[in-house]
Amino acid sequence: MHIYLVVGAAVSLGLLGVLGIVAITTGWVVPFGRPRVLRPKLWGYGSLVSAVGGAVFVFLGPLAREYGPLPWAGWFALMGGLGLQMLAQRPGRGATKTAS
């Protein structure tokens, strides 16, 4: 069962990294994310940072004693990449006042 989880994580993080590289080089974003993403290159950088940070955290996390703070650096990189992806998206609608 463990091998299935490892393969699933590797494929998911690899795909996220490839999508990040594609967004950085061409500006293309997956169709379901296209309406919200205003800055595709920033989204691509966020995706790439998230993929690398997630891979470092997932694959070194169980060996935390041997690698010291490196798995946690991967966790913070993952969160920083998600923050970049959030900044690349369109802001939500503000509160509007209704006429009374």
N, C-alpha and C. Protein backbone atom coordinates (compact mmCIF):
# COMPACT_ATOMS: atom_id res chain seq x y z
N MET A 1 0.82 -1.19 0.00
CA MET A 1 0.00 0.00 0.00
C MET A 1 0.86 1.26 0.00
N HIS A 2 1.99 1.19 0.70
CA HIS A 2 2.87 2.36 0.78
C HIS A 2 3.38 2.78 -0.60
N ILE A 3 3.69 1.81 -1.44
CA ILE A 3 4.22 2.13 -2.76
C ILE A 3 3.19 2.89 -3.61
N TYR A 4 1.91 2.58 -3.42
CA TYR A 4 0.87 3.29 -4.17
C TYR A 4 0.81 4.75 -3.76
N LEU A 5 0.95 5.02 -2.47
CA LEU A 5 0.95 6.40 -2.00
C LEU A 5 2.17 7.16 -2.50
N VAL A 6 3.30 6.52 -2.50
CA VAL A 6 4.52 7.16 -2.98
C VAL A 6 4.42 7.47 -4.46
N VAL A 7 3.94 6.52 -5.24
CA VAL A 7 3.79 6.74 -6.68
C VAL A 7 2.76 7.83 -6.95
N GLY A 8 1.65 7.82 -6.22
CA GLY A 8 0.64 8.86 -6.38
C GLY A 8 1.17 10.24 -6.06
N ALA A 9 1.94 10.35 -4.98
CA ALA A 9 2.52 11.65 -4.62
C ALA A 9 3.53 12.09 -5.66
N ALA A 10 4.36 11.17 -6.15
CA ALA A 10 5.37 11.53 -7.15
C ALA A 10 4.72 11.99 -8.45
N VAL A 11 3.68 11.29 -8.87
CA VAL A 11 3.00 11.68 -10.11
C VAL A 11 2.31 13.03 -9.95
N SER A 12 1.64 13.23 -8.82
CA SER A 12 0.93 14.50 -8.58
C SER A 12 1.89 15.67 -8.52
N LEU A 13 2.98 15.53 -7.77
CA LEU A 13 3.93 16.62 -7.66
C LEU A 13 4.69 16.84 -8.96
N GLY A 14 4.96 15.78 -9.69
CA GLY A 14 5.59 15.94 -11.00
C GLY A 14 4.69 16.68 -11.99
N LEU A 15 3.42 16.32 -11.99
CA LEU A 15 2.46 17.01 -12.86
C LEU A 15 2.33 18.48 -12.48
N LEU A 16 2.32 18.77 -11.18
CA LEU A 16 2.24 20.16 -10.73
C LEU A 16 3.47 20.94 -11.18
N GLY A 17 4.64 20.31 -11.10
CA GLY A 17 5.85 20.97 -11.57
C GLY A 17 5.85 21.21 -13.07
N VAL A 18 5.38 20.25 -13.83
CA VAL A 18 5.30 20.42 -15.29
C VAL A 18 4.32 21.53 -15.65
N LEU A 19 3.17 21.57 -14.97
CA LEU A 19 2.21 22.65 -15.23
C LEU A 19 2.79 24.01 -14.88
N GLY A 20 3.61 24.05 -13.84
CA GLY A 20 4.27 25.30 -13.49
C GLY A 20 5.25 25.75 -14.55
N ILE A 21 6.03 24.83 -15.07
CA ILE A 21 7.01 25.17 -16.13
C ILE A 21 6.28 25.62 -17.39
N VAL A 22 5.19 24.95 -17.73
CA VAL A 22 4.42 25.34 -18.91
C VAL A 22 3.82 26.74 -18.72
N ALA A 23 3.33 27.03 -17.54
CA ALA A 23 2.75 28.35 -17.29
C ALA A 23 3.82 29.44 -17.33
N ILE A 24 5.01 29.13 -16.86
CA ILE A 24 6.09 30.13 -16.88
C ILE A 24 6.55 30.40 -18.31
N THR A 25 6.72 29.36 -19.10
CA THR A 25 7.28 29.54 -20.44
C THR A 25 6.27 30.03 -21.47
N THR A 26 5.03 29.55 -21.40
CA THR A 26 4.06 29.89 -22.43
C THR A 26 2.90 30.75 -21.94
N GLY A 27 2.68 30.81 -20.63
CA GLY A 27 1.53 31.55 -20.11
C GLY A 27 0.24 30.74 -20.14
N TRP A 28 0.32 29.45 -20.44
CA TRP A 28 -0.86 28.60 -20.52
C TRP A 28 -1.19 28.08 -19.13
N VAL A 29 -2.47 28.13 -18.79
CA VAL A 29 -2.96 27.63 -17.50
C VAL A 29 -4.05 26.61 -17.81
N VAL A 30 -4.20 25.61 -16.95
CA VAL A 30 -5.21 24.58 -17.17
C VAL A 30 -6.59 25.22 -17.34
N PRO A 31 -7.45 24.65 -18.16
CA PRO A 31 -8.73 25.29 -18.48
C PRO A 31 -9.61 25.59 -17.27
N PHE A 32 -9.63 24.71 -16.26
CA PHE A 32 -10.50 24.99 -15.12
C PHE A 32 -9.95 26.09 -14.22
N GLY A 33 -8.68 26.47 -14.36
CA GLY A 33 -8.12 27.55 -13.57
C GLY A 33 -8.00 28.85 -14.34
N ARG A 34 -8.24 28.81 -15.64
CA ARG A 34 -8.04 29.96 -16.50
C ARG A 34 -8.92 31.17 -16.15
N PRO A 35 -10.19 31.01 -15.80
CA PRO A 35 -11.00 32.20 -15.52
C PRO A 35 -10.52 33.01 -14.32
N ARG A 36 -9.88 32.37 -13.35
CA ARG A 36 -9.48 33.08 -12.13
C ARG A 36 -8.05 33.60 -12.15
N VAL A 37 -7.19 33.03 -12.97
CA VAL A 37 -5.77 33.40 -12.95
C VAL A 37 -5.54 34.62 -13.83
N LEU A 38 -5.07 35.70 -13.20
CA LEU A 38 -4.77 36.91 -13.95
C LEU A 38 -3.30 36.99 -14.36
N ARG A 39 -2.43 36.41 -13.56
CA ARG A 39 -0.99 36.45 -13.83
C ARG A 39 -0.47 35.02 -13.94
N PRO A 40 -0.47 34.46 -15.16
CA PRO A 40 -0.10 33.05 -15.32
C PRO A 40 1.36 32.75 -14.97
N LYS A 41 2.28 33.69 -15.21
CA LYS A 41 3.68 33.40 -14.87
C LYS A 41 3.86 33.31 -13.36
N LEU A 42 3.23 34.19 -12.61
CA LEU A 42 3.30 34.12 -11.15
C LEU A 42 2.67 32.83 -10.65
N TRP A 43 1.56 32.43 -11.28
CA TRP A 43 0.93 31.16 -10.92
C TRP A 43 1.87 30.00 -11.20
N GLY A 44 2.60 30.07 -12.31
CA GLY A 44 3.55 29.02 -12.66
C GLY A 44 4.70 28.94 -11.67
N TYR A 45 5.22 30.09 -11.25
CA TYR A 45 6.28 30.08 -10.25
C TYR A 45 5.77 29.50 -8.93
N GLY A 46 4.57 29.87 -8.56
CA GLY A 46 3.97 29.31 -7.34
C GLY A 46 3.78 27.81 -7.44
N SER A 47 3.36 27.36 -8.59
CA SER A 47 3.16 25.92 -8.81
C SER A 47 4.48 25.17 -8.74
N LEU A 48 5.52 25.73 -9.33
CA LEU A 48 6.82 25.09 -9.32
C LEU A 48 7.42 25.05 -7.91
N VAL A 49 7.30 26.14 -7.17
CA VAL A 49 7.80 26.18 -5.79
C VAL A 49 7.01 25.19 -4.93
N SER A 50 5.70 25.12 -5.14
CA SER A 50 4.88 24.17 -4.39
C SER A 50 5.28 22.73 -4.68
N ALA A 51 5.55 22.43 -5.93
CA ALA A 51 5.93 21.06 -6.30
C ALA A 51 7.26 20.67 -5.68
N VAL A 52 8.23 21.56 -5.74
CA VAL A 52 9.54 21.24 -5.17
C VAL A 52 9.45 21.14 -3.65
N GLY A 53 8.76 22.10 -3.02
CA GLY A 53 8.61 22.06 -1.58
C GLY A 53 7.83 20.85 -1.10
N GLY A 54 6.78 20.50 -1.83
CA GLY A 54 6.00 19.33 -1.48
C GLY A 54 6.81 18.05 -1.62
N ALA A 55 7.62 17.97 -2.66
CA ALA A 55 8.45 16.77 -2.85
C ALA A 55 9.49 16.65 -1.74
N VAL A 56 10.10 17.76 -1.37
CA VAL A 56 11.09 17.72 -0.29
C VAL A 56 10.41 17.29 1.01
N PHE A 57 9.24 17.84 1.28
CA PHE A 57 8.56 17.50 2.53
C PHE A 57 8.07 16.05 2.54
N VAL A 58 7.46 15.62 1.46
CA VAL A 58 6.88 14.28 1.42
C VAL A 58 7.96 13.20 1.45
N PHE A 59 9.02 13.39 0.70
CA PHE A 59 10.00 12.33 0.58
C PHE A 59 11.10 12.37 1.63
N LEU A 60 11.28 13.51 2.33
CA LEU A 60 12.25 13.56 3.42
C LEU A 60 11.59 13.63 4.78
N GLY A 61 10.29 13.86 4.82
CA GLY A 61 9.58 13.99 6.09
C GLY A 61 9.70 12.79 7.00
N PRO A 62 9.55 11.57 6.50
CA PRO A 62 9.68 10.42 7.39
C PRO A 62 11.10 10.24 7.95
N LEU A 63 12.07 10.87 7.31
CA LEU A 63 13.46 10.76 7.77
C LEU A 63 13.92 12.04 8.43
N ALA A 64 13.02 12.70 9.15
CA ALA A 64 13.28 14.04 9.68
C ALA A 64 14.50 14.09 10.59
N ARG A 65 14.75 13.05 11.35
CA ARG A 65 15.89 13.10 12.27
C ARG A 65 17.22 13.12 11.53
N GLU A 66 17.25 12.49 10.39
CA GLU A 66 18.50 12.43 9.63
C GLU A 66 18.78 13.71 8.86
N TYR A 67 17.73 14.44 8.48
CA TYR A 67 17.91 15.63 7.65
C TYR A 67 17.69 16.93 8.39
N GLY A 68 17.43 16.89 9.67
CA GLY A 68 17.26 18.10 10.47
C GLY A 68 16.05 18.90 10.03
N PRO A 69 16.25 20.20 9.80
CA PRO A 69 15.10 21.06 9.46
C PRO A 69 14.73 21.06 7.97
N LEU A 70 15.41 20.28 7.15
CA LEU A 70 15.15 20.30 5.70
C LEU A 70 13.71 19.95 5.33
N PRO A 71 13.08 18.92 5.93
CA PRO A 71 11.67 18.66 5.59
C PRO A 71 10.75 19.83 5.92
N TRP A 72 11.04 20.53 7.01
CA TRP A 72 10.20 21.69 7.35
C TRP A 72 10.44 22.85 6.40
N ALA A 73 11.64 22.97 5.87
CA ALA A 73 11.89 23.98 4.83
C ALA A 73 11.05 23.66 3.59
N GLY A 74 10.91 22.36 3.29
CA GLY A 74 10.03 21.96 2.18
C GLY A 74 8.59 22.32 2.46
N TRP A 75 8.15 22.14 3.71
CA TRP A 75 6.77 22.50 4.07
C TRP A 75 6.54 24.00 3.88
N PHE A 76 7.48 24.82 4.35
CA PHE A 76 7.32 26.27 4.19
C PHE A 76 7.40 26.68 2.72
N ALA A 77 8.20 25.99 1.92
CA ALA A 77 8.23 26.27 0.48
C ALA A 77 6.89 25.90 -0.16
N LEU A 78 6.31 24.79 0.26
CA LEU A 78 4.99 24.39 -0.24
C LEU A 78 3.95 25.46 0.07
N MET A 79 3.96 25.94 1.30
CA MET A 79 2.99 26.98 1.69
C MET A 79 3.27 28.30 0.98
N GLY A 80 4.54 28.64 0.79
CA GLY A 80 4.89 29.86 0.06
C GLY A 80 4.45 29.78 -1.41
N GLY A 81 4.60 28.62 -2.01
CA GLY A 81 4.14 28.44 -3.39
C GLY A 81 2.63 28.56 -3.51
N LEU A 82 1.91 28.01 -2.53
CA LEU A 82 0.46 28.17 -2.54
C LEU A 82 0.07 29.63 -2.37
N GLY A 83 0.84 30.36 -1.56
CA GLY A 83 0.59 31.80 -1.42
C GLY A 83 0.81 32.55 -2.72
N LEU A 84 1.86 32.17 -3.47
CA LEU A 84 2.10 32.80 -4.77
C LEU A 84 0.96 32.49 -5.73
N GLN A 85 0.48 31.25 -5.71
CA GLN A 85 -0.64 30.91 -6.58
C GLN A 85 -1.88 31.71 -6.20
N MET A 86 -2.07 31.94 -4.92
CA MET A 86 -3.23 32.72 -4.49
C MET A 86 -3.10 34.18 -4.94
N LEU A 87 -1.88 34.73 -4.87
CA LEU A 87 -1.67 36.10 -5.33
C LEU A 87 -1.87 36.26 -6.83
N ALA A 88 -1.68 35.18 -7.58
CA ALA A 88 -1.83 35.24 -9.03
C ALA A 88 -3.28 35.22 -9.47
N GLN A 89 -4.18 34.91 -8.55
CA GLN A 89 -5.59 34.81 -8.92
C GLN A 89 -6.33 36.13 -8.73
N ARG A 90 -7.46 36.19 -9.35
CA ARG A 90 -8.33 37.36 -9.27
C ARG A 90 -8.86 37.51 -7.85
N PRO A 91 -8.86 38.72 -7.32
CA PRO A 91 -9.41 38.89 -5.99
C PRO A 91 -10.92 38.67 -5.98
N GLY A 92 -11.44 38.31 -4.84
CA GLY A 92 -12.88 38.09 -4.71
C GLY A 92 -13.65 39.40 -4.80
N ARG A 93 -14.92 39.29 -4.95
CA ARG A 93 -15.74 40.48 -5.02
C ARG A 93 -15.84 41.12 -3.66
N GLY A 94 -15.78 42.43 -3.64
CA GLY A 94 -15.94 43.16 -2.40
C GLY A 94 -17.40 43.26 -2.01
N ALA A 95 -17.62 43.67 -0.79
CA ALA A 95 -18.99 43.84 -0.32
C ALA A 95 -19.61 45.04 -1.02
N THR A 96 -20.81 44.86 -1.49
CA THR A 96 -21.51 45.96 -2.16
C THR A 96 -22.69 46.39 -1.31
N LYS A 97 -22.96 47.66 -1.35
CA LYS A 97 -24.10 48.17 -0.61
C LYS A 97 -25.32 48.18 -1.52
N THR A 98 -26.41 47.74 -0.99
CA THR A 98 -27.63 47.74 -1.77
C THR A 98 -28.35 49.06 -1.55
N ALA A 99 -29.04 49.47 -2.56
CA ALA A 99 -29.80 50.72 -2.44
C ALA A 99 -31.00 50.49 -1.53
N SER A 100 -31.21 51.41 -0.63
CA SER A 100 -32.36 51.24 0.26
C SER A 100 -33.33 52.39 0.14
